[in-house]
PDB file of N, CA and C in Angstrom:
ATOM      1  N   UNK A   1    -100.773 -83.748 -37.892  1.00  0.00           N
ATOM      2  CA  UNK A   1     -99.790 -82.500 -38.371  1.00  0.00           C
ATOM      3  C   UNK A   1     -99.324 -82.496 -40.343  1.00  0.00           C
ATOM      4  N   UNK A   2     -99.157 -81.415 -40.832  1.00  0.00           N
ATOM      5  CA  UNK A   2     -98.696 -80.812 -41.506  1.00  0.00           C
ATOM      6  C   UNK A   2     -98.063 -79.918 -42.500  1.00  0.00           C
ATOM      7  N   UNK A   3     -97.263 -80.044 -42.496  1.00  0.00           N
ATOM      8  CA  UNK A   3     -95.883 -78.734 -43.148  1.00  0.00           C
ATOM      9  C   UNK A   3     -96.164 -78.588 -44.183  1.00  0.00           C
ATOM     10  N   UNK A   4     -96.234 -77.605 -44.495  1.00  0.00           N
ATOM     11  CA  UNK A   4     -96.590 -76.377 -45.593  1.00  0.00           C
ATOM     12  C   UNK A   4     -95.055 -75.547 -46.497  1.00  0.00           C
ATOM     13  N   UNK A   5     -94.322 -75.783 -47.595  1.00  0.00           N
ATOM     14  CA  UNK A   5     -93.226 -75.573 -47.507  1.00  0.00           C
ATOM     15  C   UNK A   5     -93.450 -74.120 -49.351  1.00  0.00           C
ATOM     16  N   UNK A   6     -92.787 -73.182 -48.866  1.00  0.00           N
ATOM     17  CA  UNK A   6     -93.403 -71.879 -49.944  1.00  0.00           C
ATOM     18  C   UNK A   6     -92.019 -72.327 -50.509  1.00  0.00           C
ATOM     19  N   UNK A   7     -92.100 -71.743 -51.533  1.00  0.00           N
ATOM     20  CA  UNK A   7     -90.913 -71.549 -52.594  1.00  0.00           C
ATOM     21  C   UNK A   7     -91.213 -70.797 -53.776  1.00  0.00           C
ATOM     22  N   UNK A   8     -90.403 -70.272 -54.554  1.00  0.00           N
ATOM     23  CA  UNK A   8     -90.453 -69.391 -56.066  1.00  0.00           C
ATOM     24  C   UNK A   8     -90.718 -67.657 -55.436  1.00  0.00           C
ATOM     25  N   UNK A   9     -90.336 -67.027 -54.396  1.00  0.00           N
ATOM     26  CA  UNK A   9     -89.926 -65.718 -54.338  1.00  0.00           C
ATOM     27  C   UNK A   9     -88.716 -65.451 -54.780  1.00  0.00           C
ATOM     28  N   UNK A  10     -88.674 -64.021 -54.960  1.00  0.00           N
ATOM     29  CA  UNK A  10     -87.327 -63.292 -55.278  1.00  0.00           C
ATOM     30  C   UNK A  10     -87.517 -61.847 -55.779  1.00  0.00           C
ATOM     31  N   UNK A  11     -86.027 -61.652 -56.581  1.00  0.00           N
ATOM     32  CA  UNK A  11     -86.433 -60.370 -56.434  1.00  0.00           C
ATOM     33  C   UNK A  11     -86.640 -60.408 -57.918  1.00  0.00           C
ATOM     34  N   UNK A  12     -87.735 -59.141 -58.019  1.00  0.00           N
ATOM     35  CA  UNK A  12     -88.377 -58.953 -59.790  1.00  0.00           C
ATOM     36  C   UNK A  12     -88.218 -57.432 -59.807  1.00  0.00           C
ATOM     37  N   UNK A  13     -88.061 -56.999 -61.363  1.00  0.00           N
ATOM     38  CA  UNK A  13     -88.764 -55.995 -61.653  1.00  0.00           C
ATOM     39  C   UNK A  13     -90.201 -55.080 -61.880  1.00  0.00           C
ATOM     40  N   UNK A  14     -90.145 -54.022 -61.362  1.00  0.00           N
ATOM     41  CA  UNK A  14     -91.823 -53.958 -61.423  1.00  0.00           C
ATOM     42  C   UNK A  14     -92.305 -53.710 -62.711  1.00  0.00           C
ATOM     43  N   UNK A  15     -93.561 -55.005 -63.017  1.00  0.00           N
ATOM     44  CA  UNK A  15     -93.985 -55.032 -64.160  1.00  0.00           C
ATOM     45  C   UNK A  15     -93.968 -56.548 -64.251  1.00  0.00           C
ATOM     46  N   UNK A  16     -93.007 -57.081 -63.896  1.00  0.00           N
ATOM     47  CA  UNK A  16     -92.439 -58.797 -63.837  1.00  0.00           C
ATOM     48  C   UNK A  16     -93.199 -59.637 -63.142  1.00  0.00           C
ATOM     49  N   UNK A  17     -92.568 -60.531 -63.117  1.00  0.00           N
ATOM     50  CA  UNK A  17     -93.644 -61.623 -62.724  1.00  0.00           C
ATOM     51  C   UNK A  17     -92.948 -62.687 -61.981  1.00  0.00           C
ATOM     52  N   UNK A  18     -93.741 -63.516 -60.936  1.00  0.00           N
ATOM     53  CA  UNK A  18     -92.759 -64.985 -60.111  1.00  0.00           C
ATOM     54  C   UNK A  18     -94.375 -65.487 -59.666  1.00  0.00           C
ATOM     55  N   UNK A  19     -93.686 -66.628 -59.927  1.00  0.00           N
ATOM     56  CA  UNK A  19     -95.058 -67.964 -59.715  1.00  0.00           C
ATOM     57  C   UNK A  19     -94.428 -68.557 -57.905  1.00  0.00           C
ATOM     58  N   UNK A  20     -95.378 -68.563 -57.415  1.00  0.00           N
ATOM     59  CA  UNK A  20     -94.951 -69.168 -55.671  1.00  0.00           C
ATOM     60  C   UNK A  20     -95.876 -70.765 -56.020  1.00  0.00           C
ATOM     61  N   UNK A  21     -94.895 -71.413 -55.061  1.00  0.00           N
ATOM     62  CA  UNK A  21     -95.445 -73.201 -54.723  1.00  0.00           C
ATOM     63  C   UNK A  21     -95.310 -73.307 -53.518  1.00  0.00           C
ATOM     64  N   UNK A  22     -96.832 -73.667 -53.070  1.00  0.00           N
ATOM     65  CA  UNK A  22     -96.705 -74.309 -51.592  1.00  0.00           C
ATOM     66  C   UNK A  22     -96.966 -75.869 -51.803  1.00  0.00           C
ATOM     67  N   UNK A  23     -95.724 -76.283 -50.944  1.00  0.00           N
ATOM     68  CA  UNK A  23     -96.004 -77.963 -50.997  1.00  0.00           C
ATOM     69  C   UNK A  23     -96.254 -78.448 -49.866  1.00  0.00           C
ATOM     70  N   UNK A  24     -97.171 -79.011 -49.979  1.00  0.00           N
ATOM     71  CA  UNK A  24     -97.608 -79.841 -48.262  1.00  0.00           C
ATOM     72  C   UNK A  24     -97.361 -81.430 -47.664  1.00  0.00           C
ATOM     73  N   UNK A  25     -96.952 -81.916 -46.915  1.00  0.00           N
ATOM     74  CA  UNK A  25     -96.086 -82.454 -46.918  1.00  0.00           C
ATOM     75  C   UNK A  25     -96.617 -83.844 -47.099  1.00  0.00           C
ATOM     76  N   UNK A  26     -98.238 -83.497 -47.070  1.00  0.00           N
ATOM     77  CA  UNK A  26     -99.294 -84.935 -46.753  1.00  0.00           C
ATOM     78  C   UNK A  26    -100.165 -84.568 -47.728  1.00  0.00           C
ATOM     79  N   UNK A  27    -101.243 -85.856 -47.430  1.00  0.00           N
ATOM     80  CA  UNK A  27    -102.115 -84.995 -48.718  1.00  0.00           C
ATOM     81  C   UNK A  27    -103.326 -84.437 -47.802  1.00  0.00           C
ATOM     82  N   UNK A  28    -103.826 -83.147 -48.187  1.00  0.00           N
ATOM     83  CA  UNK A  28    -104.582 -82.804 -47.256  1.00  0.00           C
ATOM     84  C   UNK A  28    -106.445 -82.966 -47.627  1.00  0.00           C
ATOM     85  N   UNK A  29    -106.020 -83.647 -48.712  1.00  0.00           N
ATOM     86  CA  UNK A  29    -107.913 -83.912 -48.689  1.00  0.00           C
ATOM     87  C   UNK A  29    -108.425 -83.019 -49.797  1.00  0.00           C
ATOM     88  N   UNK A  30    -109.823 -83.600 -50.229  1.00  0.00           N
ATOM     89  CA  UNK A  30    -110.885 -82.237 -50.708  1.00  0.00           C
ATOM     90  C   UNK A  30    -111.058 -81.826 -50.086  1.00  0.00           C
ATOM     91  N   UNK A  31    -111.195 -81.164 -48.611  1.00  0.00           N
ATOM     92  CA  UNK A  31    -111.827 -80.747 -47.684  1.00  0.00           C
ATOM     93  C   UNK A  31    -111.100 -79.483 -46.937  1.00  0.00           C
ATOM     94  N   UNK A  32    -110.438 -78.871 -47.541  1.00  0.00           N
ATOM     95  CA  UNK A  32    -109.631 -77.860 -47.169  1.00  0.00           C
ATOM     96  C   UNK A  32    -109.381 -76.743 -47.859  1.00  0.00           C
ATOM     97  N   UNK A  33    -110.169 -75.331 -47.493  1.00  0.00           N
ATOM     98  CA  UNK A  33    -109.643 -74.129 -48.535  1.00  0.00           C
ATOM     99  C   UNK A  33    -107.917 -73.845 -48.599  1.00  0.00           C
ATOM    100  N   UNK A  34    -107.501 -73.607 -49.224  1.00  0.00           N
ATOM    101  CA  UNK A  34    -105.669 -73.262 -49.158  1.00  0.00           C
ATOM    102  C   UNK A  34    -105.905 -71.666 -49.526  1.00  0.00           C
ATOM    103  N   UNK A  35    -105.045 -71.106 -48.926  1.00  0.00           N
ATOM    104  CA  UNK A  35    -104.919 -69.334 -48.770  1.00  0.00           C
ATOM    105  C   UNK A  35    -103.715 -69.336 -49.387  1.00  0.00           C
ATOM    106  N   UNK A  36    -103.166 -67.969 -49.560  1.00  0.00           N
ATOM    107  CA  UNK A  36    -101.758 -66.948 -49.393  1.00  0.00           C
ATOM    108  C   UNK A  36    -102.382 -66.195 -49.176  1.00  0.00           C
ATOM    109  N   UNK A  37    -101.257 -65.764 -48.206  1.00  0.00           N
ATOM    110  CA  UNK A  37    -101.406 -64.750 -47.797  1.00  0.00           C
ATOM    111  C   UNK A  37     -99.889 -64.021 -47.681  1.00  0.00           C
ATOM    112  N   UNK A  38     -99.709 -62.329 -47.493  1.00  0.00           N
ATOM    113  CA  UNK A  38     -99.090 -61.745 -47.671  1.00  0.00           C
ATOM    114  C   UNK A  38     -98.818 -60.595 -46.255  1.00  0.00           C
ATOM    115  N   UNK A  39     -97.003 -60.477 -45.784  1.00  0.00           N
ATOM    116  CA  UNK A  39     -96.723 -59.257 -44.663  1.00  0.00           C
ATOM    117  C   UNK A  39     -95.600 -58.447 -45.180  1.00  0.00           C
ATOM    118  N   UNK A  40     -96.328 -57.170 -45.032  1.00  0.00           N
ATOM    119  CA  UNK A  40     -95.119 -56.335 -45.309  1.00  0.00           C
ATOM    120  C   UNK A  40     -94.281 -55.611 -43.746  1.00  0.00           C
ATOM    121  N   UNK A  41     -93.698 -55.357 -44.809  1.00  0.00           N
ATOM    122  CA  UNK A  41     -93.168 -54.552 -42.724  1.00  0.00           C
ATOM    123  C   UNK A  41     -93.604 -53.726 -42.350  1.00  0.00           C
ATOM    124  N   UNK A  42     -93.417 -53.753 -40.865  1.00  0.00           N
ATOM    125  CA  UNK A  42     -94.841 -53.053 -40.547  1.00  0.00           C
ATOM    126  C   UNK A  42     -95.665 -53.141 -40.507  1.00  0.00           C
ATOM    127  N   UNK A  43     -96.425 -53.788 -41.688  1.00  0.00           N
ATOM    128  CA  UNK A  43     -98.019 -54.114 -41.570  1.00  0.00           C
ATOM    129  C   UNK A  43     -98.634 -55.474 -41.542  1.00  0.00           C
ATOM    130  N   UNK A  44    -100.108 -55.652 -41.141  1.00  0.00           N
ATOM    131  CA  UNK A  44    -100.466 -56.925 -40.803  1.00  0.00           C
ATOM    132  C   UNK A  44    -100.404 -57.542 -41.873  1.00  0.00           C
ATOM    133  N   UNK A  45    -100.607 -59.091 -41.330  1.00  0.00           N
ATOM    134  CA  UNK A  45    -100.395 -60.308 -42.200  1.00  0.00           C
ATOM    135  C   UNK A  45    -101.990 -60.022 -42.679  1.00  0.00           C
ATOM    136  N   UNK A  46    -102.359 -60.154 -44.299  1.00  0.00           N
ATOM    137  CA  UNK A  46    -103.482 -60.198 -44.921  1.00  0.00           C
ATOM    138  C   UNK A  46    -103.716 -60.948 -46.401  1.00  0.00           C
ATOM    139  N   UNK A  47    -104.800 -61.385 -46.311  1.00  0.00           N
ATOM    140  CA  UNK A  47    -105.301 -62.380 -47.140  1.00  0.00           C
ATOM    141  C   UNK A  47    -105.454 -61.817 -48.548  1.00  0.00           C
ATOM    142  N   UNK A  48    -104.808 -62.652 -49.993  1.00  0.00           N
ATOM    143  CA  UNK A  48    -103.885 -62.451 -51.153  1.00  0.00           C
ATOM    144  C   UNK A  48    -104.996 -63.440 -51.463  1.00  0.00           C
ATOM    145  N   UNK A  49    -105.382 -64.265 -51.324  1.00  0.00           N
ATOM    146  CA  UNK A  49    -105.843 -65.074 -52.142  1.00  0.00           C
ATOM    147  C   UNK A  49    -106.411 -66.301 -51.691  1.00  0.00           C
ATOM    148  N   UNK A  50    -107.269 -67.155 -52.141  1.00  0.00           N
ATOM    149  CA  UNK A  50    -107.542 -68.406 -51.388  1.00  0.00           C
ATOM    150  C   UNK A  50    -108.705 -69.041 -52.863  1.00  0.00           C
ATOM    151  N   UNK A  51    -108.684 -70.178 -52.508  1.00  0.00           N
ATOM    152  CA  UNK A  51    -108.940 -71.123 -53.297  1.00  0.00           C
ATOM    153  C   UNK A  51    -109.536 -72.736 -52.701  1.00  0.00           C
ATOM    154  N   UNK A  52    -111.041 -72.642 -52.907  1.00  0.00           N
ATOM    155  CA  UNK A  52    -111.748 -74.212 -52.282  1.00  0.00           C
ATOM    156  C   UNK A  52    -111.286 -75.475 -52.993  1.00  0.00           C
ATOM    157  N   UNK A  53    -111.587 -76.198 -52.296  1.00  0.00           N
ATOM    158  CA  UNK A  53    -111.385 -77.882 -53.113  1.00  0.00           C
ATOM    159  C   UNK A  53    -112.027 -77.986 -54.177  1.00  0.00           C
ATOM    160  N   UNK A  54    -113.408 -76.994 -54.539  1.00  0.00           N
ATOM    161  CA  UNK A  54    -113.826 -77.240 -55.299  1.00  0.00           C
ATOM    162  C   UNK A  54    -113.564 -76.719 -56.786  1.00  0.00           C
ATOM    163  N   UNK A  55    -112.638 -75.354 -56.579  1.00  0.00           N
ATOM    164  CA  UNK A  55    -111.710 -74.654 -57.146  1.00  0.00           C
ATOM    165  C   UNK A  55    -112.325 -73.571 -57.137  1.00  0.00           C
ATOM    166  N   UNK A  56    -113.248 -73.095 -56.368  1.00  0.00           N
ATOM    167  CA  UNK A  56    -114.051 -71.486 -56.609  1.00  0.00           C
ATOM    168  C   UNK A  56    -112.444 -70.606 -55.692  1.00  0.00           C
ATOM    169  N   UNK A  57    -112.873 -69.430 -56.582  1.00  0.00           N
ATOM    170  CA  UNK A  57    -110.849 -68.546 -55.767  1.00  0.00           C
ATOM    171  C   UNK A  57    -111.811 -66.865 -56.021  1.00  0.00           C
ATOM    172  N   UNK A  58    -111.547 -66.578 -54.964  1.00  0.00           N
ATOM    173  CA  UNK A  58    -111.245 -65.484 -54.332  1.00  0.00           C
ATOM    174  C   UNK A  58    -110.276 -64.544 -54.722  1.00  0.00           C
ATOM    175  N   UNK A  59    -110.349 -63.247 -54.262  1.00  0.00           N
ATOM    176  CA  UNK A  59    -109.329 -62.251 -54.473  1.00  0.00           C
ATOM    177  C   UNK A  59    -109.090 -61.432 -53.586  1.00  0.00           C
ATOM    178  N   UNK A  60    -108.276 -60.703 -53.136  1.00  0.00           N
ATOM    179  CA  UNK A  60    -107.961 -59.523 -52.171  1.00  0.00           C
ATOM    180  C   UNK A  60    -108.102 -58.456 -53.567  1.00  0.00           C
ATOM    181  N   UNK A  61    -108.625 -57.341 -53.344  1.00  0.00           N
ATOM    182  CA  UNK A  61    -108.690 -56.411 -54.689  1.00  0.00           C
ATOM    183  C   UNK A  61    -107.729 -56.063 -55.223  1.00  0.00           C
ATOM    184  N   UNK A  62    -106.818 -55.806 -54.169  1.00  0.00           N
ATOM    185  CA  UNK A  62    -105.134 -55.407 -55.193  1.00  0.00           C
ATOM    186  C   UNK A  62    -104.666 -55.917 -55.580  1.00  0.00           C
ATOM    187  N   UNK A  63    -104.883 -57.520 -56.028  1.00  0.00           N
ATOM    188  CA  UNK A  63    -104.469 -58.242 -56.851  1.00  0.00           C
ATOM    189  C   UNK A  63    -105.222 -58.737 -58.060  1.00  0.00           C
ATOM    190  N   UNK A  64    -106.462 -58.649 -57.871  1.00  0.00           N
ATOM    191  CA  UNK A  64    -107.197 -59.270 -58.916  1.00  0.00           C
ATOM    192  C   UNK A  64    -107.141 -58.448 -59.987  1.00  0.00           C
ATOM    193  N   UNK A  65    -107.018 -59.641 -61.590  1.00  0.00           N
ATOM    194  CA  UNK A  65    -106.425 -59.843 -62.359  1.00  0.00           C
ATOM    195  C   UNK A  65    -104.992 -59.321 -62.454  1.00  0.00           C
ATOM    196  N   UNK A  66    -104.397 -59.386 -61.831  1.00  0.00           N
ATOM    197  CA  UNK A  66    -102.594 -59.744 -62.211  1.00  0.00           C
ATOM    198  C   UNK A  66    -102.496 -61.231 -61.075  1.00  0.00           C
ATOM    199  N   UNK A  67    -103.072 -61.818 -60.434  1.00  0.00           N
ATOM    200  CA  UNK A  67    -102.454 -62.448 -59.635  1.00  0.00           C
ATOM    201  C   UNK A  67    -103.882 -63.769 -59.871  1.00  0.00           C
ATOM    202  N   UNK A  68    -102.976 -64.952 -59.748  1.00  0.00           N
ATOM    203  CA  UNK A  68    -103.894 -66.243 -60.126  1.00  0.00           C
ATOM    204  C   UNK A  68    -103.670 -67.300 -58.950  1.00  0.00           C
ATOM    205  N   UNK A  69    -104.078 -67.723 -58.694  1.00  0.00           N
ATOM    206  CA  UNK A  69    -103.996 -69.064 -57.393  1.00  0.00           C
ATOM    207  C   UNK A  69    -104.522 -70.357 -57.951  1.00  0.00           C
ATOM    208  N   UNK A  70    -103.900 -71.347 -57.917  1.00  0.00           N
ATOM    209  CA  UNK A  70    -104.321 -72.561 -58.535  1.00  0.00           C
ATOM    210  C   UNK A  70    -103.958 -74.174 -57.387  1.00  0.00           C
ATOM    211  N   UNK A  71    -104.337 -75.309 -57.626  1.00  0.00           N
ATOM    212  CA  UNK A  71    -103.588 -76.170 -56.487  1.00  0.00           C
ATOM    213  C   UNK A  71    -103.949 -77.459 -57.865  1.00  0.00           C
ATOM    214  N   UNK A  72    -102.882 -78.338 -57.184  1.00  0.00           N
ATOM    215  CA  UNK A  72    -102.613 -80.096 -57.955  1.00  0.00           C
ATOM    216  C   UNK A  72    -103.227 -80.769 -56.666  1.00  0.00           C
ATOM    217  N   UNK A  73    -104.355 -81.655 -56.271  1.00  0.00           N
ATOM    218  CA  UNK A  73    -104.631 -82.459 -55.938  1.00  0.00           C
ATOM    219  C   UNK A  73    -103.020 -84.010 -55.587  1.00  0.00           C
ATOM    220  N   UNK A  74    -102.736 -83.926 -56.920  1.00  0.00           N
ATOM    221  CA  UNK A  74    -102.145 -85.160 -57.127  1.00  0.00           C
ATOM    222  C   UNK A  74    -100.667 -84.716 -56.520  1.00  0.00           C
ATOM    223  N   UNK A  75    -100.650 -83.417 -56.434  1.00  0.00           N
ATOM    224  CA  UNK A  75     -99.082 -83.167 -56.118  1.00  0.00           C
ATOM    225  C   UNK A  75     -99.397 -82.441 -54.679  1.00  0.00           C
ATOM    226  N   UNK A  76    -100.467 -82.289 -53.996  1.00  0.00           N
ATOM    227  CA  UNK A  76    -100.247 -81.802 -52.908  1.00  0.00           C
ATOM    228  C   UNK A  76     -99.737 -80.466 -52.751  1.00  0.00           C
ATOM    229  N   UNK A  77    -100.245 -79.817 -53.747  1.00  0.00           N
ATOM    230  CA  UNK A  77     -99.403 -78.523 -54.068  1.00  0.00           C
ATOM    231  C   UNK A  77    -100.723 -77.387 -53.831  1.00  0.00           C
ATOM    232  N   UNK A  78     -99.889 -75.811 -53.928  1.00  0.00           N
ATOM    233  CA  UNK A  78    -100.591 -75.382 -54.592  1.00  0.00           C
ATOM    234  C   UNK A  78     -99.628 -73.664 -55.001  1.00  0.00           C
ATOM    235  N   UNK A  79    -100.588 -72.942 -55.771  1.00  0.00           N
ATOM    236  CA  UNK A  79     -99.561 -72.330 -56.896  1.00  0.00           C
ATOM    237  C   UNK A  79    -100.205 -71.243 -56.712  1.00  0.00           C
ATOM    238  N   UNK A  80     -99.050 -69.704 -57.474  1.00  0.00           N
ATOM    239  CA  UNK A  80     -99.759 -68.326 -57.312  1.00  0.00           C
ATOM    240  C   UNK A  80     -98.689 -68.011 -58.291  1.00  0.00           C
ATOM    241  N   UNK A  81     -99.733 -67.451 -59.303  1.00  0.00           N
ATOM    242  CA  UNK A  81     -98.205 -66.953 -60.638  1.00  0.00           C
ATOM    243  C   UNK A  81     -98.798 -65.080 -59.799  1.00  0.00           C
ATOM    244  N   UNK A  82     -97.910 -64.623 -60.455  1.00  0.00           N
ATOM    245  CA  UNK A  82     -98.042 -63.086 -59.781  1.00  0.00           C
ATOM    246  C   UNK A  82     -97.608 -62.592 -61.422  1.00  0.00           C
ATOM    247  N   UNK A  83     -97.969 -61.551 -61.884  1.00  0.00           N
ATOM    248  CA  UNK A  83     -98.070 -60.943 -62.432  1.00  0.00           C
ATOM    249  C   UNK A  83     -98.061 -59.661 -62.912  1.00  0.00           C
ATOM    250  N   UNK A  84     -97.543 -58.567 -63.350  1.00  0.00           N
ATOM    251  CA  UNK A  84     -97.512 -57.427 -63.714  1.00  0.00           C
ATOM    252  C   UNK A  84     -96.961 -56.983 -62.273  1.00  0.00           C
ATOM    253  N   UNK A  85     -96.298 -56.946 -61.123  1.00  0.00           N
ATOM    254  CA  UNK A  85     -95.913 -57.002 -60.043  1.00  0.00           C
ATOM    255  C   UNK A  85     -95.511 -55.943 -59.954  1.00  0.00           C
ATOM    256  N   UNK A  86     -96.183 -54.791 -58.664  1.00  0.00           N
ATOM    257  CA  UNK A  86     -95.110 -53.719 -58.243  1.00  0.00           C
ATOM    258  C   UNK A  86     -95.089 -53.358 -56.914  1.00  0.00           C
ATOM    259  N   UNK A  87     -94.274 -52.333 -56.967  1.00  0.00           N
ATOM    260  CA  UNK A  87     -92.977 -52.355 -55.451  1.00  0.00           C
ATOM    261  C   UNK A  87     -94.419 -52.637 -53.891  1.00  0.00           C
ATOM    262  N   UNK A  88     -95.843 -52.297 -54.083  1.00  0.00           N
ATOM    263  CA  UNK A  88     -96.545 -52.714 -53.207  1.00  0.00           C
ATOM    264  C   UNK A  88     -96.562 -53.728 -52.465  1.00  0.00           C
ATOM    265  N   UNK A  89     -96.613 -54.815 -53.905  1.00  0.00           N
ATOM    266  CA  UNK A  89     -96.269 -56.249 -53.624  1.00  0.00           C
ATOM    267  C   UNK A  89     -94.909 -56.801 -52.669  1.00  0.00           C
ATOM    268  N   UNK A  90     -94.652 -56.430 -52.412  1.00  0.00           N
ATOM    269  CA  UNK A  90     -93.103 -56.978 -51.248  1.00  0.00           C
ATOM    270  C   UNK A  90     -93.128 -56.808 -50.537  1.00  0.00           C
ATOM    271  N   UNK A  91     -93.333 -58.598 -50.097  1.00  0.00           N
ATOM    272  CA  UNK A  91     -93.765 -59.118 -48.714  1.00  0.00           C
ATOM    273  C   UNK A  91     -93.734 -60.194 -48.549  1.00  0.00           C
ATOM    274  N   UNK A  92     -93.392 -60.740 -47.370  1.00  0.00           N
ATOM    275  CA  UNK A  92     -93.441 -62.157 -47.046  1.00  0.00           C
ATOM    276  C   UNK A  92     -94.854 -63.040 -47.283  1.00  0.00           C
ATOM    277  N   UNK A  93     -94.465 -63.884 -47.931  1.00  0.00           N
ATOM    278  CA  UNK A  93     -96.019 -64.240 -48.535  1.00  0.00           C
ATOM    279  C   UNK A  93     -95.754 -66.156 -48.073  1.00  0.00           C
ATOM    280  N   UNK A  94     -97.481 -66.387 -47.404  1.00  0.00           N
ATOM    281  CA  UNK A  94     -97.530 -66.926 -46.729  1.00  0.00           C
ATOM    282  C   UNK A  94     -98.113 -68.309 -47.220  1.00  0.00           C
ATOM    283  N   UNK A  95     -98.435 -69.189 -46.945  1.00  0.00           N
ATOM    284  CA  UNK A  95     -99.067 -70.457 -47.572  1.00  0.00           C
ATOM    285  C   UNK A  95     -99.903 -71.384 -46.600  1.00  0.00           C
ATOM    286  N   UNK A  96    -101.416 -70.935 -46.392  1.00  0.00           N
ATOM    287  CA  UNK A  96    -102.078 -71.782 -45.480  1.00  0.00           C
ATOM    288  C   UNK A  96    -102.842 -73.004 -45.358  1.00  0.00           C
ATOM    289  N   UNK A  97    -103.225 -72.943 -44.633  1.00  0.00           N
ATOM    290  CA  UNK A  97    -104.295 -74.713 -44.873  1.00  0.00           C
ATOM    291  C   UNK A  97    -104.711 -74.995 -43.491  1.00  0.00           C
ATOM    292  N   UNK A  98    -106.231 -74.800 -43.373  1.00  0.00           N
ATOM    293  CA  UNK A  98    -106.273 -75.261 -42.051  1.00  0.00           C
ATOM    294  C   UNK A  98    -105.366 -75.188 -40.699  1.00  0.00           C
ATOM    295  N   UNK A  99    -105.426 -73.569 -40.734  1.00  0.00           N
ATOM    296  CA  UNK A  99    -104.478 -73.359 -39.196  1.00  0.00           C
ATOM    297  C   UNK A  99    -102.661 -73.506 -39.752  1.00  0.00           C
ATOM    298  N   UNK A 100    -102.843 -74.295 -40.685  1.00  0.00           N
ATOM    299  CA  UNK A 100    -101.369 -74.391 -40.529  1.00  0.00           C
ATOM    300  C   UNK A 100    -100.611 -73.568 -41.236  1.00  0.00           C
ATOM    301  N   UNK A 101     -99.592 -72.904 -41.293  1.00  0.00           N
ATOM    302  CA  UNK A 101     -98.452 -72.009 -41.811  1.00  0.00           C
ATOM    303  C   UNK A 101     -97.405 -72.697 -41.923  1.00  0.00           C
ATOM    304  N   UNK A 102     -96.777 -72.263 -43.670  1.00  0.00           N
ATOM    305  CA  UNK A 102     -95.243 -72.088 -43.609  1.00  0.00           C
ATOM    306  C   UNK A 102     -94.535 -71.157 -43.675  1.00  0.00           C
ATOM    307  N   UNK A 103     -93.516 -71.123 -44.269  1.00  0.00           N
ATOM    308  CA  UNK A 103     -92.427 -70.239 -43.037  1.00  0.00           C
ATOM    309  C   UNK A 103     -92.345 -69.348 -44.206  1.00  0.00           C
ATOM    310  N   UNK A 104     -92.958 -69.121 -45.422  1.00  0.00           N
ATOM    311  CA  UNK A 104     -92.699 -68.082 -46.068  1.00  0.00           C
ATOM    312  C   UNK A 104     -91.985 -67.823 -47.393  1.00  0.00           C
ATOM    313  N   UNK A 105     -92.428 -66.892 -47.819  1.00  0.00           N
ATOM    314  CA  UNK A 105     -91.098 -66.627 -48.589  1.00  0.00           C
ATOM    315  C   UNK A 105     -91.559 -65.614 -49.268  1.00  0.00           C
ATOM    316  N   UNK A 106     -89.668 -65.057 -49.608  1.00  0.00           N
ATOM    317  CA  UNK A 106     -89.845 -63.418 -49.683  1.00  0.00           C
ATOM    318  C   UNK A 106     -90.182 -62.676 -50.890  1.00  0.00           C
ATOM    319  N   UNK A 107     -90.588 -61.724 -51.086  1.00  0.00           N
ATOM    320  CA  UNK A 107     -91.272 -61.473 -53.056  1.00  0.00           C
ATOM    321  C   UNK A 107     -90.686 -59.930 -52.490  1.00  0.00           C
ATOM    322  N   UNK A 108     -89.445 -59.399 -53.131  1.00  0.00           N
ATOM    323  CA  UNK A 108     -89.398 -58.335 -53.536  1.00  0.00           C
ATOM    324  C   UNK A 108     -89.529 -57.640 -54.647  1.00  0.00           C
ATOM    325  N   UNK A 109     -90.120 -56.980 -55.070  1.00  0.00           N
ATOM    326  CA  UNK A 109     -89.956 -55.987 -56.463  1.00  0.00           C
ATOM    327  C   UNK A 109     -89.799 -54.669 -56.246  1.00  0.00           C
ATOM    328  N   UNK A 110     -88.648 -54.827 -57.642  1.00  0.00           N
ATOM    329  CA  UNK A 110     -87.858 -53.354 -57.255  1.00  0.00           C
ATOM    330  C   UNK A 110     -86.616 -52.994 -58.291  1.00  0.00           C
ATOM    331  N   UNK A 111     -86.572 -51.511 -58.536  1.00  0.00           N
ATOM    332  CA  UNK A 111     -85.522 -51.775 -59.854  1.00  0.00           C
ATOM    333  C   UNK A 111     -84.421 -51.306 -59.439  1.00  0.00           C
TER     334      UNK A 111
END
């Protein structure tokens, strides 16, 4: 079992930035992809970005050019830098690794 803990969410104005972090309770090695998902009220959970063990990344079209995913094996952590935030980015953001999920962190973009 591995526990995942997200942090870094909060309230930000449109156009602002946030950096999300996901810390794993133990090493997950260089085996699994890590990913960020989000779920807005009344909507299904959706993939935002994914990073493979070799550092390859892919992004949902709605965040391309604005969000950047990264990971640090030494710290058992993953990050997502979110720039140019929009109101429609408001959601709970979840970290996921090999069918394990964090509890989520709320991101609210509002003026």
